[in-house]
Protein backbone atom coordinates (compact mmCIF):
# COMPACT_ATOMS: atom_id res chain seq x y z
CA MET A 1 13.29 -3.72 -2.12
CA THR A 2 15.54 -5.65 -4.40
CA ASP A 3 15.19 -9.14 -5.78
CA ALA A 4 17.54 -10.98 -8.12
CA GLN A 5 16.28 -10.68 -11.69
CA PHE A 6 16.02 -14.11 -13.35
CA VAL A 7 13.40 -13.25 -15.98
CA GLU A 8 14.78 -11.63 -19.16
CA PRO A 9 15.17 -8.03 -17.90
CA GLY A 10 13.77 -6.52 -21.10
CA VAL A 11 10.51 -8.44 -20.68
CA SER A 12 9.99 -7.35 -17.07
CA ARG A 13 11.04 -3.78 -17.91
CA ARG A 14 8.46 -3.53 -20.74
CA LYS A 15 5.71 -4.79 -18.44
CA PHE A 16 6.85 -2.42 -15.67
CA ASN A 17 6.85 0.50 -18.14
CA ARG A 18 3.31 -0.45 -19.16
CA GLU A 19 2.20 -0.19 -15.50
CA ILE A 20 3.84 3.24 -15.10
CA ALA A 21 2.43 4.50 -18.43
CA GLU A 22 -1.08 3.42 -17.41
CA PHE A 23 -0.72 5.25 -14.09
CA ARG A 24 0.61 8.41 -15.75
CA SER A 25 -2.10 8.39 -18.42
CA HIS A 26 -4.67 8.89 -15.65
CA GLY A 27 -2.44 11.19 -13.57
CA ASP A 28 -4.97 14.03 -13.24
CA GLN A 29 -7.71 11.65 -12.17
CA PHE A 30 -5.44 9.89 -9.65
CA GLN A 31 -4.16 13.18 -8.25
CA LYS A 32 -7.77 14.14 -7.43
CA ARG A 33 -7.99 10.85 -5.55
CA GLY A 34 -4.84 11.71 -3.57
CA TRP A 35 -2.50 9.33 -5.42
CA PHE A 36 0.94 10.70 -6.31
CA LEU A 37 3.67 8.86 -8.20
CA ALA A 38 6.72 9.63 -6.05
CA HIS A 39 9.34 7.44 -7.72
CA SER A 40 9.57 5.00 -10.59
CA LYS A 41 12.79 3.39 -11.70
CA PHE A 42 12.69 -0.22 -12.82
CA PRO A 43 11.92 -2.42 -10.96
CA ASN A 44 10.72 -0.16 -8.12
CA VAL A 45 7.84 2.26 -7.89
CA CYS A 46 6.46 4.25 -4.96
CA VAL A 47 3.04 5.85 -4.86
CA VAL A 48 2.10 8.20 -2.00
CA LEU A 49 -1.53 8.23 -0.88
CA ALA A 50 -3.18 11.21 0.79
CA THR A 51 -6.45 11.56 2.62
CA ARG A 52 -8.86 13.65 0.58
CA LYS A 53 -11.87 13.96 2.88
CA THR A 54 -9.93 15.57 5.73
CA SER A 55 -8.96 19.13 6.46
CA PRO A 56 -6.05 19.48 6.44
CA VAL A 57 -5.17 16.84 3.88
CA MET A 58 -2.61 14.35 5.19
CA LEU A 59 -0.02 12.24 3.38
CA MET A 60 -1.10 8.99 4.98
CA LEU A 61 1.24 6.38 3.56
CA GLY A 62 3.46 5.32 0.73
CA VAL A 63 3.16 2.10 -1.24
CA ALA A 64 6.46 0.64 -2.47
CA LEU A 65 6.22 -2.02 -5.14
CA ASN A 66 8.99 -4.12 -6.64
CA TYR A 67 8.30 -5.53 -10.11
CA SER A 68 11.45 -7.61 -10.53
CA ASN A 69 10.68 -10.78 -12.51
CA TYR A 70 7.20 -9.49 -13.35
CA ASP A 71 4.97 -11.07 -14.42
CA LEU A 72 6.40 -14.54 -13.92
CA VAL A 73 6.05 -13.62 -10.25
CA PRO A 74 3.75 -10.95 -8.79
CA PRO A 75 5.07 -7.65 -7.44
CA SER A 76 6.24 -7.29 -3.86
CA VAL A 77 4.27 -4.67 -1.90
CA GLN A 78 5.14 -2.79 1.29
CA LEU A 79 3.53 0.14 3.05
CA VAL A 80 6.19 2.77 3.68
CA HIS A 81 6.54 6.15 5.35
CA PRO A 82 5.37 8.67 2.71
CA ILE A 83 8.45 10.89 3.09
CA SER A 84 11.36 8.66 4.16
CA GLY A 85 10.24 5.62 2.16
CA LYS A 86 11.17 3.40 5.14
CA PRO A 87 8.95 0.31 5.44
CA TYR A 88 6.57 0.40 8.38
CA LYS A 89 6.86 -2.26 11.06
CA GLY A 90 3.58 -3.82 12.18
CA SER A 91 3.46 -1.58 15.25
CA GLU A 92 4.04 1.57 13.16
CA LEU A 93 1.34 1.14 10.52
CA PRO A 94 -0.94 4.17 10.22
CA THR A 95 -3.68 1.65 9.34
CA PRO A 96 -3.82 -2.14 9.06
CA LEU A 97 -6.27 -1.70 6.14
CA PRO A 98 -9.22 -3.30 7.98
CA ARG A 99 -12.10 -4.74 6.02
CA LEU A 100 -15.47 -5.69 7.42
CA LEU A 101 -16.60 -9.28 7.14
CA PRO A 102 -19.77 -10.95 8.37
CA THR A 103 -19.07 -13.51 11.05
CA SER A 104 -19.09 -17.15 10.01
CA ASP A 105 -21.42 -17.95 12.94
CA LEU A 106 -24.72 -18.65 11.17
CA ASN A 107 -26.60 -18.82 14.50
CA CYS A 108 -25.83 -15.20 15.35
CA VAL A 109 -28.90 -12.95 14.85
CA PRO A 110 -28.41 -10.22 13.85
CA PRO A 111 -25.22 -11.22 12.06
CA ARG A 112 -22.08 -9.85 13.68
CA ILE A 113 -19.53 -7.95 11.65
CA GLU A 114 -15.84 -8.59 12.27
CA THR A 115 -12.78 -6.78 10.96
CA GLN A 116 -9.91 -8.52 9.26
CA PRO A 117 -6.81 -6.52 8.35
CA PHE A 118 -5.31 -6.80 4.88
CA MET A 119 -1.88 -6.06 6.41
CA GLN A 120 -0.45 -9.12 8.13
CA ALA A 121 2.76 -9.45 10.16
CA TYR A 122 4.38 -12.19 12.22
CA GLY A 123 4.97 -9.69 15.03
CA PRO A 124 4.89 -5.97 15.86
CA ASP A 125 8.57 -5.52 14.91
CA GLU A 126 8.21 -7.29 11.55
CA VAL A 127 7.43 -5.64 8.22
CA PRO A 128 3.83 -6.59 7.38
CA PHE A 129 2.69 -7.78 3.97
CA LEU A 130 -0.43 -7.07 1.97
CA CYS A 131 -2.49 -10.25 2.19
CA VAL A 132 -4.10 -10.02 -1.25
CA ALA A 133 -3.89 -12.31 -4.28
CA GLY A 134 -1.54 -10.72 -6.80
CA VAL A 135 1.10 -9.80 -4.21
CA ARG A 136 4.37 -11.75 -4.01
CA GLU A 137 4.32 -12.13 -0.22
CA TYR A 138 0.77 -13.47 -0.35
CA HIS A 139 1.63 -16.18 -2.87
CA GLU A 140 4.89 -17.10 -1.07
CA HIS A 141 3.08 -17.56 2.27
CA PRO A 142 2.59 -21.25 3.19
CA ALA A 143 -1.08 -20.65 4.05
CA HIS A 144 -1.74 -19.74 0.41
CA SER A 145 0.09 -22.62 -1.26
CA GLY A 146 -3.15 -23.69 -2.97
CA ASP A 147 -3.79 -20.24 -4.43
CA ALA A 148 -1.24 -19.99 -7.23
CA TRP A 149 -0.27 -16.67 -8.85
CA GLU A 150 -0.94 -18.21 -12.26
CA LEU A 151 -4.65 -18.37 -11.40
CA HIS A 152 -4.79 -14.60 -10.79
CA ARG A 153 -2.32 -13.26 -13.34
CA PRO A 154 -4.75 -13.31 -16.32
CA ASN A 155 -7.22 -11.16 -14.34
CA GLY A 156 -4.68 -8.36 -13.69
CA ALA A 157 -4.20 -9.16 -10.01
CA GLY A 158 -0.66 -7.71 -9.83
CA ARG A 159 -1.39 -4.52 -11.77
CA LEU A 160 -0.20 -1.29 -10.14
CA VAL A 161 -3.51 0.56 -10.36
CA ARG A 162 -5.48 -2.43 -9.00
CA LEU A 163 -3.21 -2.78 -5.96
CA ILE A 164 -3.26 0.95 -5.22
CA GLU A 165 -7.06 0.87 -5.55
CA ILE A 166 -7.32 -1.82 -2.84
CA ILE A 167 -4.95 -0.03 -0.47
CA ASP A 168 -6.72 3.30 -0.97
CA LYS A 169 -10.19 1.77 -0.49
CA TYR A 170 -9.31 0.37 2.94
CA GLY A 171 -6.85 3.10 3.95
CA PRO A 172 -7.00 6.80 3.01
CA ASP A 173 -10.49 6.62 1.48
CA VAL A 174 -12.12 5.70 4.83
CA VAL A 175 -10.47 8.54 6.78
CA GLU A 176 -13.02 11.33 7.13
CA SER A 177 -11.50 13.45 9.89
CA ILE A 178 -8.26 13.84 11.78
CA ALA A 179 -7.26 15.64 14.96
CA VAL A 180 -4.10 17.70 14.69
CA GLU A 181 -2.10 18.89 17.67
CA MET A 182 1.05 20.90 17.03
CA THR A 183 3.56 21.46 19.80
CA PRO A 184 6.75 23.38 19.02
CA LYS A 185 9.97 21.83 20.35
CA VAL A 186 11.55 25.22 21.00
CA HIS A 187 9.86 27.85 23.17
CA PHE A 188 10.86 31.45 22.66
CA GLY A 189 11.05 33.98 25.45
CA PHE A 190 8.93 37.14 25.38
CA GLY A 191 10.31 39.60 22.86
CA VAL A 192 13.04 37.25 21.57
CA PRO A 193 12.69 36.65 17.82
CA PRO A 194 13.33 33.15 16.47
CA GLN A 195 16.70 32.61 14.83
């Protein structure tokens, strides 16, 4: 992710460094939660999130954030493959980060619960965006034109730890078990050692 820097670079860099320093200052605590700082070089940072309730533990996803022009504009956020760093397309997401919401139908007894994904895409081949206040793509979307970044900035909406907290809460934190099937690509004949 790259965006042209129009804010004084020193200002954005100091604010970016503050985000990284805060993350590192709680590194032991975050590591126990399955959060690993994979890369940080202004203006980009990548945090890898692992499942922690499963056996074996699984690197579930990476979160790539771009803090160019921060905090005049919020950071850009993408879910990425935890090893390659390649952004997931909508059809490739390991999770759409679903959240449960009560239905708006007041006549429904008992109330129905619906799911609404935090990850939104225009199509399965498009890179989805995190539909949360404090994320650049959210505030640039025409449907959110009445929800300005300036209303959320004072409350820390674009902070690194806050965004990772949301993604973890609706992603890796809800995974309690996984099924693993391993199939080798190469089959060895009887008595033939692997090379």
